[in-house]
Amino acid sequence: GCSSATMSLLMKLTAPLARAYKARVGKQLASYGLKLDDVVTPTPDVMAALKKLTPEQMSDRNKRIKRAIDLQLKKTYLAEDVQALQKPFEGYLDYKKEKALMHEKLTYQ
């Protein structure tokens, strides 16, 4: 394995790249009015978390996805002032908790 000094150096070197990548992803999501949780891969954990959303949360999610599809089909983006209001990394799915619960079920059955 890697020593902790090597890992620390690696983290320092990759941190600026990670920040730049996150900023780019955030801008792309905001341009369509999406949140990261709207586009996460639908694993069993994610699907379980989706089932626990309130009707309002599910409606908001569906509206964002439909708006993004509409914008993409029209080859356009949200207005800049609307993009600025978006919070693409504000999560609403608790799929990490679901993953832990599913693991616990499988382990202790």
N, C-alpha and C. Protein backbone atom coordinates (compact mmCIF):
# COMPACT_ATOMS: atom_id res chain seq x y z
N GLY A 1 0.81 -1.19 0.00
CA GLY A 1 0.00 0.00 0.00
C GLY A 1 0.85 1.25 0.00
N CYS A 2 0.20 2.36 -0.06
CA CYS A 2 0.89 3.66 -0.05
C CYS A 2 1.09 4.12 1.38
N SER A 3 2.22 4.79 1.60
CA SER A 3 2.47 5.34 2.93
C SER A 3 1.57 6.56 3.13
N SER A 4 1.42 6.97 4.37
CA SER A 4 0.56 8.12 4.64
C SER A 4 1.17 9.40 4.06
N ALA A 5 2.50 9.47 4.00
CA ALA A 5 3.14 10.65 3.40
C ALA A 5 2.85 10.71 1.90
N THR A 6 2.88 9.56 1.25
CA THR A 6 2.59 9.50 -0.18
C THR A 6 1.13 9.88 -0.43
N MET A 7 0.23 9.36 0.41
CA MET A 7 -1.20 9.69 0.26
C MET A 7 -1.43 11.18 0.49
N SER A 8 -0.75 11.74 1.48
CA SER A 8 -0.91 13.16 1.78
C SER A 8 -0.45 14.01 0.59
N LEU A 9 0.68 13.65 0.00
CA LEU A 9 1.19 14.37 -1.16
C LEU A 9 0.23 14.23 -2.34
N LEU A 10 -0.28 13.04 -2.54
CA LEU A 10 -1.23 12.79 -3.62
C LEU A 10 -2.49 13.64 -3.44
N MET A 11 -2.98 13.71 -2.20
CA MET A 11 -4.17 14.52 -1.92
C MET A 11 -3.90 16.00 -2.21
N LYS A 12 -2.72 16.49 -1.82
CA LYS A 12 -2.38 17.89 -2.07
C LYS A 12 -2.30 18.19 -3.56
N LEU A 13 -1.78 17.24 -4.32
CA LEU A 13 -1.63 17.44 -5.76
C LEU A 13 -2.96 17.37 -6.50
N THR A 14 -3.85 16.52 -6.04
CA THR A 14 -5.12 16.34 -6.75
C THR A 14 -6.24 17.27 -6.27
N ALA A 15 -6.07 17.89 -5.11
CA ALA A 15 -7.12 18.77 -4.57
C ALA A 15 -7.53 19.88 -5.53
N PRO A 16 -6.58 20.59 -6.17
CA PRO A 16 -7.01 21.64 -7.12
C PRO A 16 -7.80 21.07 -8.30
N LEU A 17 -7.41 19.90 -8.77
CA LEU A 17 -8.13 19.26 -9.87
C LEU A 17 -9.54 18.88 -9.44
N ALA A 18 -9.66 18.36 -8.23
CA ALA A 18 -10.97 17.97 -7.70
C ALA A 18 -11.88 19.19 -7.56
N ARG A 19 -11.33 20.30 -7.06
CA ARG A 19 -12.12 21.54 -6.93
C ARG A 19 -12.58 22.05 -8.29
N ALA A 20 -11.68 22.01 -9.27
CA ALA A 20 -12.02 22.48 -10.62
C ALA A 20 -13.09 21.58 -11.24
N TYR A 21 -12.96 20.29 -11.05
CA TYR A 21 -13.94 19.35 -11.59
C TYR A 21 -15.30 19.56 -10.95
N LYS A 22 -15.32 19.73 -9.62
CA LYS A 22 -16.58 19.96 -8.91
C LYS A 22 -17.24 21.25 -9.39
N ALA A 23 -16.45 22.29 -9.60
CA ALA A 23 -17.00 23.57 -10.08
C ALA A 23 -17.60 23.39 -11.48
N ARG A 24 -16.94 22.62 -12.32
CA ARG A 24 -17.43 22.40 -13.68
C ARG A 24 -18.74 21.60 -13.66
N VAL A 25 -18.78 20.55 -12.86
CA VAL A 25 -20.00 19.74 -12.73
C VAL A 25 -21.13 20.60 -12.18
N GLY A 26 -20.84 21.41 -11.17
CA GLY A 26 -21.86 22.29 -10.59
C GLY A 26 -22.41 23.26 -11.61
N LYS A 27 -21.54 23.82 -12.44
CA LYS A 27 -22.00 24.76 -13.48
C LYS A 27 -22.87 24.05 -14.51
N GLN A 28 -22.48 22.84 -14.90
CA GLN A 28 -23.28 22.08 -15.87
C GLN A 28 -24.66 21.73 -15.30
N LEU A 29 -24.70 21.30 -14.05
CA LEU A 29 -25.98 20.98 -13.41
C LEU A 29 -26.85 22.23 -13.31
N ALA A 30 -26.25 23.33 -12.86
CA ALA A 30 -27.00 24.58 -12.69
C ALA A 30 -27.54 25.10 -14.02
N SER A 31 -26.83 24.86 -15.11
CA SER A 31 -27.29 25.36 -16.41
C SER A 31 -28.60 24.70 -16.83
N TYR A 32 -28.88 23.53 -16.29
CA TYR A 32 -30.15 22.84 -16.56
C TYR A 32 -31.10 22.85 -15.35
N GLY A 33 -30.64 23.43 -14.23
CA GLY A 33 -31.48 23.49 -13.04
C GLY A 33 -31.57 22.17 -12.30
N LEU A 34 -30.53 21.36 -12.41
CA LEU A 34 -30.52 20.05 -11.76
C LEU A 34 -29.69 20.05 -10.48
N LYS A 35 -29.96 19.07 -9.64
CA LYS A 35 -29.15 18.80 -8.46
C LYS A 35 -28.40 17.50 -8.73
N LEU A 36 -27.27 17.32 -8.07
CA LEU A 36 -26.48 16.11 -8.26
C LEU A 36 -27.30 14.86 -7.97
N ASP A 37 -28.16 14.93 -6.94
CA ASP A 37 -28.99 13.77 -6.61
C ASP A 37 -30.00 13.43 -7.72
N ASP A 38 -30.28 14.39 -8.61
CA ASP A 38 -31.19 14.13 -9.73
C ASP A 38 -30.56 13.20 -10.76
N VAL A 39 -29.25 13.18 -10.83
CA VAL A 39 -28.57 12.44 -11.89
C VAL A 39 -27.70 11.29 -11.37
N VAL A 40 -27.82 10.98 -10.09
CA VAL A 40 -27.03 9.90 -9.52
C VAL A 40 -27.51 8.56 -10.09
N THR A 41 -26.60 7.62 -10.26
CA THR A 41 -26.94 6.30 -10.80
C THR A 41 -27.97 5.61 -9.91
N PRO A 42 -29.05 5.09 -10.49
CA PRO A 42 -30.12 4.47 -9.69
C PRO A 42 -29.76 3.07 -9.16
N THR A 43 -28.89 3.03 -8.18
CA THR A 43 -28.53 1.78 -7.52
C THR A 43 -29.69 1.37 -6.60
N PRO A 44 -29.67 0.15 -6.07
CA PRO A 44 -30.73 -0.23 -5.11
C PRO A 44 -30.81 0.73 -3.92
N ASP A 45 -29.68 1.24 -3.45
CA ASP A 45 -29.67 2.20 -2.33
C ASP A 45 -30.40 3.48 -2.71
N VAL A 46 -30.12 3.97 -3.92
CA VAL A 46 -30.75 5.20 -4.40
C VAL A 46 -32.25 4.98 -4.58
N MET A 47 -32.62 3.85 -5.15
CA MET A 47 -34.04 3.55 -5.36
C MET A 47 -34.79 3.48 -4.02
N ALA A 48 -34.15 2.90 -3.01
CA ALA A 48 -34.77 2.84 -1.67
C ALA A 48 -34.92 4.25 -1.10
N ALA A 49 -33.91 5.10 -1.30
CA ALA A 49 -33.98 6.48 -0.80
C ALA A 49 -35.08 7.25 -1.53
N LEU A 50 -35.23 7.01 -2.85
CA LEU A 50 -36.28 7.69 -3.62
C LEU A 50 -37.67 7.36 -3.08
N LYS A 51 -37.86 6.12 -2.66
CA LYS A 51 -39.17 5.70 -2.13
C LYS A 51 -39.53 6.43 -0.84
N LYS A 52 -38.53 6.98 -0.15
CA LYS A 52 -38.77 7.67 1.12
C LYS A 52 -38.98 9.17 0.97
N LEU A 53 -38.92 9.66 -0.28
CA LEU A 53 -39.16 11.09 -0.49
C LEU A 53 -40.63 11.42 -0.24
N THR A 54 -40.87 12.64 0.19
CA THR A 54 -42.25 13.11 0.33
C THR A 54 -42.81 13.33 -1.08
N PRO A 55 -44.13 13.36 -1.23
CA PRO A 55 -44.71 13.65 -2.55
C PRO A 55 -44.19 14.98 -3.12
N GLU A 56 -44.01 15.98 -2.26
CA GLU A 56 -43.51 17.28 -2.72
C GLU A 56 -42.07 17.17 -3.23
N GLN A 57 -41.22 16.43 -2.50
CA GLN A 57 -39.83 16.25 -2.94
C GLN A 57 -39.78 15.51 -4.28
N MET A 58 -40.62 14.49 -4.43
CA MET A 58 -40.64 13.73 -5.68
C MET A 58 -41.14 14.61 -6.83
N SER A 59 -42.15 15.42 -6.55
CA SER A 59 -42.68 16.33 -7.57
C SER A 59 -41.62 17.34 -8.00
N ASP A 60 -40.91 17.92 -7.02
CA ASP A 60 -39.84 18.88 -7.34
C ASP A 60 -38.75 18.22 -8.19
N ARG A 61 -38.39 17.00 -7.83
CA ARG A 61 -37.36 16.25 -8.58
C ARG A 61 -37.83 16.02 -10.01
N ASN A 62 -39.05 15.56 -10.17
CA ASN A 62 -39.58 15.29 -11.51
C ASN A 62 -39.65 16.57 -12.35
N LYS A 63 -40.03 17.68 -11.73
CA LYS A 63 -40.09 18.96 -12.45
C LYS A 63 -38.70 19.38 -12.93
N ARG A 64 -37.69 19.21 -12.06
CA ARG A 64 -36.32 19.57 -12.46
C ARG A 64 -35.86 18.71 -13.64
N ILE A 65 -36.13 17.42 -13.57
CA ILE A 65 -35.71 16.51 -14.64
C ILE A 65 -36.44 16.84 -15.94
N LYS A 66 -37.74 17.07 -15.87
CA LYS A 66 -38.51 17.41 -17.08
C LYS A 66 -38.03 18.72 -17.68
N ARG A 67 -37.75 19.72 -16.83
CA ARG A 67 -37.25 21.01 -17.32
C ARG A 67 -35.90 20.82 -18.00
N ALA A 68 -35.03 20.00 -17.41
CA ALA A 68 -33.71 19.77 -17.99
C ALA A 68 -33.83 19.09 -19.36
N ILE A 69 -34.73 18.12 -19.47
CA ILE A 69 -34.95 17.44 -20.76
C ILE A 69 -35.45 18.44 -21.79
N ASP A 70 -36.41 19.29 -21.39
CA ASP A 70 -36.96 20.30 -22.28
C ASP A 70 -35.87 21.27 -22.75
N LEU A 71 -35.04 21.74 -21.83
CA LEU A 71 -33.95 22.65 -22.18
C LEU A 71 -32.97 22.00 -23.14
N GLN A 72 -32.65 20.73 -22.87
CA GLN A 72 -31.70 20.04 -23.73
C GLN A 72 -32.26 19.84 -25.14
N LEU A 73 -33.54 19.48 -25.23
CA LEU A 73 -34.17 19.31 -26.54
C LEU A 73 -34.19 20.62 -27.32
N LYS A 74 -34.35 21.72 -26.60
CA LYS A 74 -34.38 23.04 -27.23
C LYS A 74 -32.97 23.60 -27.44
N LYS A 75 -31.96 22.84 -27.00
CA LYS A 75 -30.55 23.24 -27.11
C LYS A 75 -30.32 24.62 -26.48
N THR A 76 -30.83 24.77 -25.26
CA THR A 76 -30.68 26.03 -24.54
C THR A 76 -30.42 25.73 -23.07
N TYR A 77 -30.20 26.78 -22.29
CA TYR A 77 -29.94 26.65 -20.85
C TYR A 77 -30.85 27.61 -20.09
N LEU A 78 -30.88 27.46 -18.77
CA LEU A 78 -31.58 28.43 -17.94
C LEU A 78 -30.92 29.79 -18.09
N ALA A 79 -31.68 30.84 -17.85
CA ALA A 79 -31.11 32.19 -17.87
C ALA A 79 -30.01 32.28 -16.81
N GLU A 80 -29.00 33.10 -17.07
CA GLU A 80 -27.85 33.22 -16.16
C GLU A 80 -28.28 33.57 -14.73
N ASP A 81 -29.26 34.48 -14.59
CA ASP A 81 -29.69 34.87 -13.25
C ASP A 81 -30.37 33.70 -12.53
N VAL A 82 -31.06 32.85 -13.26
CA VAL A 82 -31.70 31.67 -12.66
C VAL A 82 -30.63 30.63 -12.32
N GLN A 83 -29.64 30.47 -13.19
CA GLN A 83 -28.53 29.54 -12.91
C GLN A 83 -27.83 29.93 -11.61
N ALA A 84 -27.67 31.22 -11.40
CA ALA A 84 -26.97 31.71 -10.20
C ALA A 84 -27.69 31.33 -8.91
N LEU A 85 -29.00 31.10 -9.00
CA LEU A 85 -29.80 30.75 -7.81
C LEU A 85 -29.76 29.25 -7.50
N GLN A 86 -29.28 28.45 -8.44
CA GLN A 86 -29.29 27.00 -8.28
C GLN A 86 -28.30 26.55 -7.22
N LYS A 87 -28.64 25.45 -6.54
CA LYS A 87 -27.77 24.85 -5.52
C LYS A 87 -27.58 23.38 -5.90
N PRO A 88 -26.72 23.10 -6.89
CA PRO A 88 -26.62 21.75 -7.43
C PRO A 88 -26.11 20.69 -6.45
N PHE A 89 -25.41 21.12 -5.42
CA PHE A 89 -24.86 20.13 -4.48
C PHE A 89 -25.68 20.03 -3.19
N GLU A 90 -26.84 20.69 -3.17
CA GLU A 90 -27.74 20.58 -2.03
C GLU A 90 -28.50 19.26 -2.19
N GLY A 91 -28.11 18.27 -1.40
CA GLY A 91 -28.68 16.94 -1.55
C GLY A 91 -30.03 16.77 -0.87
N TYR A 92 -30.77 15.81 -1.36
CA TYR A 92 -32.07 15.48 -0.76
C TYR A 92 -32.25 13.98 -0.61
N LEU A 93 -31.37 13.19 -1.19
CA LEU A 93 -31.46 11.73 -1.06
C LEU A 93 -30.49 11.24 0.01
N ASP A 94 -30.94 10.32 0.80
CA ASP A 94 -30.10 9.77 1.86
C ASP A 94 -29.71 8.33 1.51
N TYR A 95 -29.08 8.17 0.32
CA TYR A 95 -28.77 6.81 -0.14
C TYR A 95 -27.59 6.19 0.57
N LYS A 96 -26.73 6.99 1.18
CA LYS A 96 -25.63 6.41 1.96
C LYS A 96 -26.21 5.72 3.19
N LYS A 97 -27.22 6.33 3.79
CA LYS A 97 -27.89 5.72 4.94
C LYS A 97 -28.59 4.43 4.49
N GLU A 98 -29.24 4.47 3.32
CA GLU A 98 -29.91 3.28 2.80
C GLU A 98 -28.91 2.15 2.56
N LYS A 99 -27.75 2.50 2.05
CA LYS A 99 -26.71 1.49 1.80
C LYS A 99 -26.31 0.82 3.11
N ALA A 100 -26.15 1.62 4.16
CA ALA A 100 -25.78 1.08 5.47
C ALA A 100 -26.89 0.18 6.01
N LEU A 101 -28.14 0.61 5.84
CA LEU A 101 -29.27 -0.20 6.32
C LEU A 101 -29.37 -1.52 5.56
N MET A 102 -29.17 -1.48 4.24
CA MET A 102 -29.23 -2.70 3.44
C MET A 102 -28.10 -3.65 3.83
N HIS A 103 -26.91 -3.09 4.07
CA HIS A 103 -25.77 -3.90 4.48
C HIS A 103 -26.06 -4.56 5.83
N GLU A 104 -26.65 -3.79 6.73
CA GLU A 104 -26.99 -4.31 8.06
C GLU A 104 -28.00 -5.45 7.94
N LYS A 105 -29.00 -5.30 7.10
CA LYS A 105 -30.00 -6.35 6.89
C LYS A 105 -29.36 -7.63 6.38
N LEU A 106 -28.48 -7.48 5.38
CA LEU A 106 -27.84 -8.67 4.79
C LEU A 106 -26.88 -9.33 5.77
N THR A 107 -26.21 -8.53 6.57
CA THR A 107 -25.23 -9.07 7.52
C THR A 107 -25.88 -9.80 8.67
N TYR A 108 -27.00 -9.30 9.17
CA TYR A 108 -27.57 -9.84 10.40
C TYR A 108 -28.84 -10.67 10.19
N GLN A 109 -29.08 -11.12 8.97
CA GLN A 109 -30.27 -11.96 8.72
C GLN A 109 -30.02 -13.37 9.15
